[in-house]
Protein backbone atom coordinates (compact mmCIF):
# COMPACT_ATOMS: atom_id res chain seq x y z
CA MET A 1 -0.26 284.50 -3.71
CA LEU A 2 1.35 281.56 -5.49
CA ARG A 3 -0.37 279.05 -3.22
CA ASN A 4 -3.75 280.73 -3.59
CA ALA A 5 -3.51 280.91 -7.37
CA ILE A 6 -2.63 277.23 -7.76
CA LEU A 7 -5.35 276.08 -5.34
CA ALA A 8 -7.93 278.28 -7.03
CA ALA A 9 -7.02 276.89 -10.44
CA ALA A 10 -7.31 273.36 -9.10
CA GLU A 11 -10.65 273.71 -7.33
CA SER A 12 -12.81 275.70 -9.75
CA SER A 13 -12.88 275.78 -13.53
CA ARG A 14 -14.40 279.28 -13.49
CA VAL A 15 -11.78 280.62 -11.11
CA ALA A 16 -9.11 278.83 -13.14
CA ARG A 17 -10.08 280.81 -16.24
CA ILE A 18 -9.87 284.07 -14.29
CA VAL A 19 -6.53 283.18 -12.72
CA GLU A 20 -5.05 282.08 -16.04
CA LYS A 21 -5.98 285.39 -17.69
CA ALA A 22 -5.07 287.83 -14.91
CA PRO A 23 -1.64 289.38 -15.64
CA ILE A 24 -0.36 288.96 -12.08
CA SER A 25 -1.31 285.32 -11.62
CA ARG A 26 -1.00 284.07 -15.21
CA SER A 27 2.78 283.66 -15.04
CA VAL A 28 2.48 281.88 -11.69
CA VAL A 29 0.00 279.35 -13.04
CA ARG A 30 1.99 278.77 -16.24
CA ARG A 31 5.06 277.99 -14.15
CA PHE A 32 3.32 275.07 -12.44
CA VAL A 33 0.41 274.10 -14.74
CA ALA A 34 1.44 272.47 -18.02
CA GLY A 35 -1.81 273.18 -19.83
CA ASN A 36 -5.37 272.02 -20.38
CA GLY A 37 -4.93 268.53 -21.78
CA THR A 38 -2.83 265.43 -22.29
CA ASP A 39 -0.89 266.90 -25.23
CA ASP A 40 0.24 269.82 -23.04
CA ALA A 41 1.25 267.40 -20.29
CA LEU A 42 3.27 265.28 -22.72
CA ARG A 43 5.01 268.33 -24.14
CA ALA A 44 6.00 269.62 -20.70
CA ALA A 45 7.07 266.16 -19.56
CA ARG A 46 9.21 265.67 -22.66
CA GLU A 47 10.99 268.97 -22.12
CA LEU A 48 11.84 268.08 -18.53
CA VAL A 49 12.75 264.45 -19.14
CA ASP A 50 15.07 265.50 -21.96
CA GLN A 51 16.90 267.63 -19.36
CA GLY A 52 17.49 264.51 -17.27
CA LEU A 53 14.73 265.30 -14.78
CA ARG A 54 12.00 263.11 -13.34
CA VAL A 55 8.42 264.31 -13.59
CA SER A 56 5.18 263.82 -11.66
CA LEU A 57 1.95 264.88 -13.40
CA ASP A 58 -1.21 265.77 -11.50
CA HIS A 59 -4.63 266.09 -13.18
CA LEU A 60 -6.20 269.25 -11.74
CA GLY A 61 -9.92 269.83 -11.58
CA GLU A 62 -12.89 270.67 -9.42
CA ASP A 63 -13.49 268.62 -6.28
CA THR A 64 -15.65 265.70 -7.32
CA VAL A 65 -19.11 265.40 -5.82
CA THR A 66 -20.59 262.58 -7.93
CA PRO A 67 -19.49 259.06 -8.91
CA ASP A 68 -19.53 260.08 -12.58
CA GLN A 69 -17.02 262.87 -11.92
CA ALA A 70 -14.79 260.49 -9.98
CA ALA A 71 -14.91 257.93 -12.79
CA ALA A 72 -14.10 260.63 -15.35
CA THR A 73 -11.01 261.63 -13.37
CA LYS A 74 -9.90 257.99 -13.16
CA ASP A 75 -10.33 257.65 -16.93
CA GLU A 76 -8.22 260.79 -17.51
CA TYR A 77 -5.39 259.20 -15.53
CA LEU A 78 -5.66 255.93 -17.43
CA HIS A 79 -5.50 257.85 -20.71
CA LEU A 80 -2.54 259.90 -19.52
CA LEU A 81 -0.57 256.86 -18.34
CA LYS A 82 -1.03 255.08 -21.67
CA ALA A 83 0.05 258.23 -23.50
CA LEU A 84 3.15 258.56 -21.32
CA ALA A 85 4.10 254.95 -22.01
CA ASP A 86 3.44 255.26 -25.75
CA ALA A 87 5.65 258.38 -25.83
CA GLY A 88 8.48 256.54 -24.08
CA LEU A 89 8.35 258.90 -21.10
CA THR A 90 8.06 256.24 -18.42
CA PRO A 91 9.47 255.53 -15.88
CA ALA A 92 10.91 259.06 -15.74
CA ALA A 93 7.35 260.44 -15.69
CA GLU A 94 4.89 259.26 -13.06
CA VAL A 95 1.53 260.58 -11.85
CA SER A 96 0.33 262.16 -8.62
CA LEU A 97 -3.30 262.06 -7.59
CA LYS A 98 -5.63 263.53 -5.01
CA LEU A 99 -8.07 261.06 -3.52
CA SER A 100 -10.69 263.82 -3.29
CA ALA A 101 -10.68 263.89 -7.10
CA LEU A 102 -11.58 260.20 -7.06
CA GLY A 103 -14.53 260.51 -4.70
CA GLN A 104 -12.96 260.43 -1.24
CA VAL A 105 -15.32 263.12 0.04
CA PHE A 106 -18.45 260.99 -0.44
CA ASP A 107 -17.17 257.41 -0.82
CA GLN A 108 -13.72 256.40 0.43
CA GLU A 109 -14.04 252.85 -0.91
CA LEU A 110 -14.82 254.17 -4.39
CA ALA A 111 -11.76 256.43 -4.19
CA TYR A 112 -9.63 253.44 -3.23
CA GLU A 113 -10.98 251.37 -6.12
CA HIS A 114 -10.23 254.15 -8.61
CA ALA A 115 -6.76 254.67 -7.12
CA HIS A 116 -6.12 250.93 -7.38
CA ALA A 117 -7.07 250.98 -11.07
CA ILE A 118 -4.71 253.91 -11.65
CA CYS A 119 -1.88 252.13 -9.84
CA ALA A 120 -2.48 249.03 -11.99
CA ALA A 121 -2.33 251.16 -15.13
CA ALA A 122 0.85 252.83 -13.89
CA ALA A 123 2.47 249.45 -13.25
CA ALA A 124 1.50 248.33 -16.76
CA ALA A 125 3.01 251.56 -18.12
CA GLY A 126 6.24 250.94 -16.21
CA THR A 127 5.89 253.82 -13.78
CA THR A 128 4.53 254.76 -10.35
CA VAL A 129 1.86 256.73 -8.51
CA THR A 130 2.21 259.18 -5.62
CA LEU A 131 -0.76 260.08 -3.40
CA ASP A 132 -1.03 263.80 -2.75
CA MET A 133 -1.96 265.09 0.69
CA GLU A 134 -4.76 267.57 1.19
CA ASP A 135 -6.20 269.21 4.30
CA HIS A 136 -5.48 267.64 7.71
CA GLU A 137 -8.93 266.09 8.04
CA THR A 138 -8.15 263.63 5.24
CA THR A 139 -4.62 262.65 6.32
CA ASP A 140 -5.58 259.47 8.17
CA GLN A 141 -7.86 258.35 5.35
CA THR A 142 -5.14 258.96 2.77
CA LEU A 143 -2.55 257.02 4.77
CA ASP A 144 -5.03 254.18 5.16
CA VAL A 145 -5.54 254.02 1.39
CA LEU A 146 -1.76 254.21 0.93
CA GLY A 147 -1.26 251.12 3.08
CA ARG A 148 -3.89 249.20 1.13
CA LEU A 149 -2.42 250.20 -2.22
CA ARG A 150 1.10 249.28 -1.17
CA ALA A 151 -0.06 245.72 -0.51
CA ASP A 152 -0.41 245.31 -4.29
CA PHE A 153 1.80 248.16 -5.51
CA PRO A 154 4.71 248.59 -3.04
CA THR A 155 6.22 251.54 -4.93
CA THR A 156 3.17 253.76 -4.38
CA GLY A 157 4.45 257.03 -2.96
CA ALA A 158 3.03 259.42 -0.39
CA VAL A 159 3.25 263.14 0.23
CA LEU A 160 3.75 264.47 3.76
CA GLN A 161 3.36 268.11 4.76
CA ALA A 162 5.92 269.51 7.18
CA TYR A 163 3.66 272.25 8.52
CA LEU A 164 1.44 269.69 10.23
CA ARG A 165 2.48 268.97 13.82
CA ARG A 166 1.90 265.25 13.33
CA THR A 167 4.24 264.87 10.36
CA GLU A 168 7.40 263.92 12.28
CA GLY A 169 5.55 260.87 13.57
CA ASP A 170 4.26 260.06 10.09
CA CYS A 171 7.80 260.32 8.75
CA ARG A 172 9.00 257.77 11.29
CA GLU A 173 6.17 255.43 10.31
CA LEU A 174 6.91 255.73 6.59
CA ALA A 175 10.73 255.80 6.66
CA THR A 176 10.92 252.11 5.78
CA VAL A 177 12.59 250.04 3.09
CA GLY A 178 11.34 250.96 -0.37
CA SER A 179 8.97 253.65 0.94
CA ARG A 180 8.70 256.64 -1.38
CA VAL A 181 7.85 259.84 0.51
CA ARG A 182 7.70 263.33 -0.98
CA LEU A 183 8.16 265.96 1.72
CA CYS A 184 6.62 269.36 1.10
CA LYS A 185 5.87 272.28 3.40
CA GLY A 186 2.08 272.36 2.89
CA ALA A 187 -0.41 274.48 1.00
CA TYR A 188 -3.68 274.55 2.95
CA ALA A 189 -4.93 277.02 5.55
CA GLU A 190 -4.84 274.92 8.72
CA PRO A 191 -5.64 275.85 12.34
CA GLU A 192 -2.86 276.37 14.86
CA SER A 193 -3.99 273.32 16.79
CA VAL A 194 -2.76 271.02 14.00
CA ALA A 195 -0.25 273.10 12.04
CA PHE A 196 2.70 275.40 12.61
CA GLN A 197 1.80 278.96 11.67
CA SER A 198 5.09 280.79 11.28
CA ALA A 199 7.45 280.29 8.36
CA VAL A 200 10.34 279.72 10.78
CA ASP A 201 8.52 276.93 12.60
CA VAL A 202 7.54 275.30 9.31
CA ASP A 203 11.13 275.48 8.09
CA ARG A 204 12.39 273.88 11.30
CA SER A 205 9.80 271.14 11.03
CA TYR A 206 10.78 270.53 7.43
CA VAL A 207 14.42 269.99 8.39
CA ARG A 208 13.48 267.67 11.27
CA CYS A 209 11.23 265.62 9.01
CA LEU A 210 13.87 265.60 6.28
CA ASN A 211 16.45 264.26 8.73
CA ILE A 212 14.12 261.40 9.70
CA LEU A 213 13.40 260.42 6.10
CA MET A 214 16.99 260.66 4.92
CA SER A 215 18.25 258.65 7.88
CA GLY A 216 15.94 255.79 7.01
CA PRO A 217 16.13 253.11 4.30
CA GLY A 218 13.32 254.55 2.18
CA TYR A 219 13.30 256.86 -0.84
CA PRO A 220 12.76 260.49 0.24
CA MET A 221 11.74 263.07 -2.36
CA ILE A 222 12.45 266.73 -1.63
CA ALA A 223 9.60 269.05 -2.69
CA THR A 224 10.59 272.66 -1.99
CA HIS A 225 11.96 275.74 -3.71
CA ASP A 226 13.56 276.96 -0.48
CA PRO A 227 17.37 277.16 -0.88
CA LEU A 228 17.92 276.59 2.85
CA SER A 229 15.88 273.38 2.86
CA ILE A 230 17.60 272.19 -0.29
CA GLY A 231 20.94 272.96 1.35
CA ALA A 232 19.93 270.86 4.35
CA ALA A 233 19.17 267.95 2.02
CA ARG A 234 22.55 268.30 0.36
CA LEU A 235 24.27 268.20 3.74
CA GLN A 236 22.50 264.90 4.45
CA LEU A 237 23.85 263.50 1.19
CA ALA A 238 27.40 264.74 1.74
């Protein structure tokens, strides 16, 4: 239910209002969604940074279908990054972004241009950007944009999803010097042909991918609430 609530809130403003008000899902959304605007994001970031934590903020919204929507999302990120810098929250706070929100669905080059502008703003603010992963059909496109962005902004991070069968290979490709990779389990409904279906198989894949990333010279980021996976990461650090 947690996954469905978060995805619903991200993809539809109407569904988001329903999810936020429903007693069962409201607490789930509040746990992971800071609020409706920049002020809410700054407040949540401040609370976490003051606890010594690092923060990544993601602007949620409907999938963009027009250039104007993509440009509006880019502008929201530029505004957020300036606000984070002005509040003294960088570099502890960075931003994550979905290329679909920047127009990837209808114009990959436009999405790259918007992502490049956001990376430039992040660099000026003294922080970084991480590219989120979405469904498996966009993985190659996202990794292509990542490579282009890293030519100008080497600290640009990537998210990899352990439930995809291809991810071990992607981990080997990205486990390089200075490469920031956030490893998560995955949140989309994917077919068996491309993704592990059972929780046990996903957990095993996560540990295998984690071992690859932590054995390399890059900068792995652990994105899971699973105590067993966190324990595996701690063993790697021991």
